[in-house]
Amino acid sequence: MKRHCRVCGAEYEYCYSCEKVHSWRALTDTADHYYILNVLMEYQGDHDAVKAYHALSKRGVNIRETDGLLPSVKMLMVEIASKVKGMNGTRKKAVPAGQAVVEKKDEKQLHSTDDAEVSE
């Protein structure tokens, strides 16, 4: 039997037993596309772009390369990329070892944790 991948639209062969055992072949042409499909379905539920971005990046998927994907998949990838890009300016910076961030009303300062006393 023939099916079309829900990520790229490519036609592929599959058999009834794949559907019967709920194999990834019932939905997509490759295991990587099945992973992408699952991440995007989860993103549609929780709208956590950072989580989706990290899950896709961990698997080596570049969300900015959408050539060859179905329009609905492209749209979600672009949406995730734009949300993550918009957050780049608000990401927390790494604090060097041995230092802590101390917040005072409208400013943040780095202080050494070796000689600082903590008081409330």
C-alpha atoms as a PDB file:
ATOM      1  CA  MET A   1       0.000   0.000   0.000  1.00  0.00           C
ATOM      2  CA  LYS A   2       1.090   3.562  -0.557  1.00  0.00           C
ATOM      3  CA  ARG A   3       0.919   6.491   1.849  1.00  0.00           C
ATOM      4  CA  HIS A   4       2.063  10.104   1.892  1.00  0.00           C
ATOM      5  CA  CYS A   5       4.386  11.367   4.613  1.00  0.00           C
ATOM      6  CA  ARG A   6       2.700  13.883   6.920  1.00  0.00           C
ATOM      7  CA  VAL A   7       5.919  15.925   7.121  1.00  0.00           C
ATOM      8  CA  CYS A   8       7.275  16.052   3.564  1.00  0.00           C
ATOM      9  CA  GLY A   9       4.420  14.638   1.476  1.00  0.00           C
ATOM     10  CA  ALA A  10       6.598  11.986  -0.164  1.00  0.00           C
ATOM     11  CA  GLU A  11       4.878   8.808  -1.253  1.00  0.00           C
ATOM     12  CA  TYR A  12       6.144   5.631   0.396  1.00  0.00           C
ATOM     13  CA  GLU A  13       5.265   1.956   0.700  1.00  0.00           C
ATOM     14  CA  TYR A  14       3.902   0.516   3.903  1.00  0.00           C
ATOM     15  CA  CYS A  15       2.029  -2.581   4.923  1.00  0.00           C
ATOM     16  CA  TYR A  16      -1.011  -3.228   7.054  1.00  0.00           C
ATOM     17  CA  SER A  17       1.088  -4.645   9.908  1.00  0.00           C
ATOM     18  CA  CYS A  18       2.782  -1.241  10.357  1.00  0.00           C
ATOM     19  CA  GLU A  19      -0.595   0.326  11.063  1.00  0.00           C
ATOM     20  CA  LYS A  20      -1.664  -2.597  13.224  1.00  0.00           C
ATOM     21  CA  VAL A  21       1.356  -2.220  15.550  1.00  0.00           C
ATOM     22  CA  HIS A  22       1.212   1.608  15.449  1.00  0.00           C
ATOM     23  CA  SER A  23       4.581   1.920  13.737  1.00  0.00           C
ATOM     24  CA  TRP A  24       5.946   5.297  12.646  1.00  0.00           C
ATOM     25  CA  ARG A  25       5.551   3.996   9.078  1.00  0.00           C
ATOM     26  CA  ALA A  26       1.788   4.463   9.388  1.00  0.00           C
ATOM     27  CA  LEU A  27       2.310   8.263   9.419  1.00  0.00           C
ATOM     28  CA  THR A  28       5.719   9.140   7.956  1.00  0.00           C
ATOM     29  CA  ASP A  29       8.333   7.863   5.526  1.00  0.00           C
ATOM     30  CA  THR A  30      11.274   8.043   7.970  1.00  0.00           C
ATOM     31  CA  ALA A  31      11.803   7.768  11.720  1.00  0.00           C
ATOM     32  CA  ASP A  32      13.240  11.313  11.742  1.00  0.00           C
ATOM     33  CA  HIS A  33      10.056  12.669  10.161  1.00  0.00           C
ATOM     34  CA  TYR A  34       8.025  10.816  12.773  1.00  0.00           C
ATOM     35  CA  TYR A  35      10.080  12.522  15.491  1.00  0.00           C
ATOM     36  CA  ILE A  36       9.492  15.928  13.861  1.00  0.00           C
ATOM     37  CA  LEU A  37       5.772  15.188  13.597  1.00  0.00           C
ATOM     38  CA  ASN A  38       5.572  14.287  17.296  1.00  0.00           C
ATOM     39  CA  VAL A  39       7.460  17.419  18.376  1.00  0.00           C
ATOM     40  CA  LEU A  40       5.202  19.621  16.239  1.00  0.00           C
ATOM     41  CA  MET A  41       2.051  17.944  17.564  1.00  0.00           C
ATOM     42  CA  GLU A  42       3.246  18.522  21.123  1.00  0.00           C
ATOM     43  CA  TYR A  43       4.071  22.149  20.240  1.00  0.00           C
ATOM     44  CA  GLN A  44       0.520  22.642  18.940  1.00  0.00           C
ATOM     45  CA  GLY A  45      -0.726  21.532  22.350  1.00  0.00           C
ATOM     46  CA  ASP A  46       1.551  23.451  24.698  1.00  0.00           C
ATOM     47  CA  HIS A  47       2.859  26.273  22.429  1.00  0.00           C
ATOM     48  CA  ASP A  48       6.301  25.984  24.073  1.00  0.00           C
ATOM     49  CA  ALA A  49       8.555  27.127  21.219  1.00  0.00           C
ATOM     50  CA  VAL A  50      11.765  26.824  23.242  1.00  0.00           C
ATOM     51  CA  LYS A  51      10.993  23.223  24.190  1.00  0.00           C
ATOM     52  CA  ALA A  52      10.173  22.366  20.567  1.00  0.00           C
ATOM     53  CA  TYR A  53      13.293  24.136  19.306  1.00  0.00           C
ATOM     54  CA  HIS A  54      15.536  22.241  21.722  1.00  0.00           C
ATOM     55  CA  ALA A  55      13.878  18.904  20.919  1.00  0.00           C
ATOM     56  CA  LEU A  56      14.375  19.446  17.184  1.00  0.00           C
ATOM     57  CA  SER A  57      17.917  20.802  17.574  1.00  0.00           C
ATOM     58  CA  LYS A  58      18.872  17.825  19.735  1.00  0.00           C
ATOM     59  CA  ARG A  59      17.976  15.595  16.789  1.00  0.00           C
ATOM     60  CA  GLY A  60      19.952  17.765  14.335  1.00  0.00           C
ATOM     61  CA  VAL A  61      16.925  19.406  12.700  1.00  0.00           C
ATOM     62  CA  ASN A  62      17.543  22.949  11.472  1.00  0.00           C
ATOM     63  CA  ILE A  63      14.159  24.657  11.801  1.00  0.00           C
ATOM     64  CA  ARG A  64      15.184  27.350   9.344  1.00  0.00           C
ATOM     65  CA  GLU A  65      15.605  24.813   6.519  1.00  0.00           C
ATOM     66  CA  THR A  66      12.044  24.075   5.488  1.00  0.00           C
ATOM     67  CA  ASP A  67      12.499  23.214   1.813  1.00  0.00           C
ATOM     68  CA  GLY A  68      10.733  19.994   0.916  1.00  0.00           C
ATOM     69  CA  LEU A  69       8.271  20.112   3.817  1.00  0.00           C
ATOM     70  CA  LEU A  70       4.501  20.359   3.613  1.00  0.00           C
ATOM     71  CA  PRO A  71       3.097  23.914   3.973  1.00  0.00           C
ATOM     72  CA  SER A  72       1.503  23.162   7.364  1.00  0.00           C
ATOM     73  CA  VAL A  73       4.808  21.814   8.705  1.00  0.00           C
ATOM     74  CA  LYS A  74       6.715  24.796   7.252  1.00  0.00           C
ATOM     75  CA  MET A  75       4.303  27.179   8.952  1.00  0.00           C
ATOM     76  CA  LEU A  76       4.887  25.584  12.363  1.00  0.00           C
ATOM     77  CA  MET A  77       8.666  25.504  11.893  1.00  0.00           C
ATOM     78  CA  VAL A  78       8.707  29.196  10.910  1.00  0.00           C
ATOM     79  CA  GLU A  79       6.489  30.025  13.890  1.00  0.00           C
ATOM     80  CA  ILE A  80       8.845  28.218  16.291  1.00  0.00           C
ATOM     81  CA  ALA A  81      11.892  29.879  14.715  1.00  0.00           C
ATOM     82  CA  SER A  82      10.368  33.355  14.985  1.00  0.00           C
ATOM     83  CA  LYS A  83       9.351  32.865  18.621  1.00  0.00           C
ATOM     84  CA  VAL A  84      12.785  31.561  19.573  1.00  0.00           C
ATOM     85  CA  LYS A  85      14.493  34.346  17.610  1.00  0.00           C
ATOM     86  CA  GLY A  86      12.363  36.907  19.440  1.00  0.00           C
ATOM     87  CA  MET A  87      13.531  35.481  22.764  1.00  0.00           C
ATOM     88  CA  ASN A  88      17.262  35.631  22.003  1.00  0.00           C
ATOM     89  CA  GLY A  89      17.559  39.091  23.518  1.00  0.00           C
ATOM     90  CA  THR A  90      15.953  37.963  26.793  1.00  0.00           C
ATOM     91  CA  ARG A  91      17.938  34.798  27.380  1.00  0.00           C
ATOM     92  CA  LYS A  92      19.737  34.518  30.687  1.00  0.00           C
ATOM     93  CA  LYS A  93      23.496  34.846  30.468  1.00  0.00           C
ATOM     94  CA  ALA A  94      25.766  32.343  32.121  1.00  0.00           C
ATOM     95  CA  VAL A  95      27.204  33.464  35.443  1.00  0.00           C
ATOM     96  CA  PRO A  96      30.904  32.684  35.936  1.00  0.00           C
ATOM     97  CA  ALA A  97      31.723  30.062  38.573  1.00  0.00           C
ATOM     98  CA  GLY A  98      32.278  31.572  42.003  1.00  0.00           C
ATOM     99  CA  GLN A  99      29.920  34.496  41.361  1.00  0.00           C
ATOM    100  CA  ALA A 100      26.241  35.102  41.989  1.00  0.00           C
ATOM    101  CA  VAL A 101      23.728  37.530  40.552  1.00  0.00           C
ATOM    102  CA  VAL A 102      22.441  39.997  43.116  1.00  0.00           C
ATOM    103  CA  GLU A 103      19.354  41.968  42.115  1.00  0.00           C
ATOM    104  CA  LYS A 104      18.683  45.398  43.577  1.00  0.00           C
ATOM    105  CA  LYS A 105      15.486  47.085  42.492  1.00  0.00           C
ATOM    106  CA  ASP A 106      16.307  48.010  38.862  1.00  0.00           C
ATOM    107  CA  GLU A 107      19.848  46.677  38.496  1.00  0.00           C
ATOM    108  CA  LYS A 108      21.688  43.392  38.497  1.00  0.00           C
ATOM    109  CA  GLN A 109      25.239  43.026  39.725  1.00  0.00           C
ATOM    110  CA  LEU A 110      27.745  40.188  39.841  1.00  0.00           C
ATOM    111  CA  HIS A 111      29.326  39.516  43.214  1.00  0.00           C
ATOM    112  CA  SER A 112      31.890  36.973  44.261  1.00  0.00           C
ATOM    113  CA  THR A 113      30.344  34.176  46.309  1.00  0.00           C
ATOM    114  CA  ASP A 114      33.645  33.485  48.073  1.00  0.00           C
ATOM    115  CA  ASP A 115      33.631  36.524  50.343  1.00  0.00           C
ATOM    116  CA  ALA A 116      29.965  37.559  50.249  1.00  0.00           C
ATOM    117  CA  GLU A 117      27.636  37.050  53.180  1.00  0.00           C
ATOM    118  CA  VAL A 118      24.028  36.435  52.486  1.00  0.00           C
ATOM    119  CA  SER A 119      21.607  38.495  54.544  1.00  0.00           C
ATOM    120  CA  GLU A 120      17.969  39.357  54.236  1.00  0.00           C
END
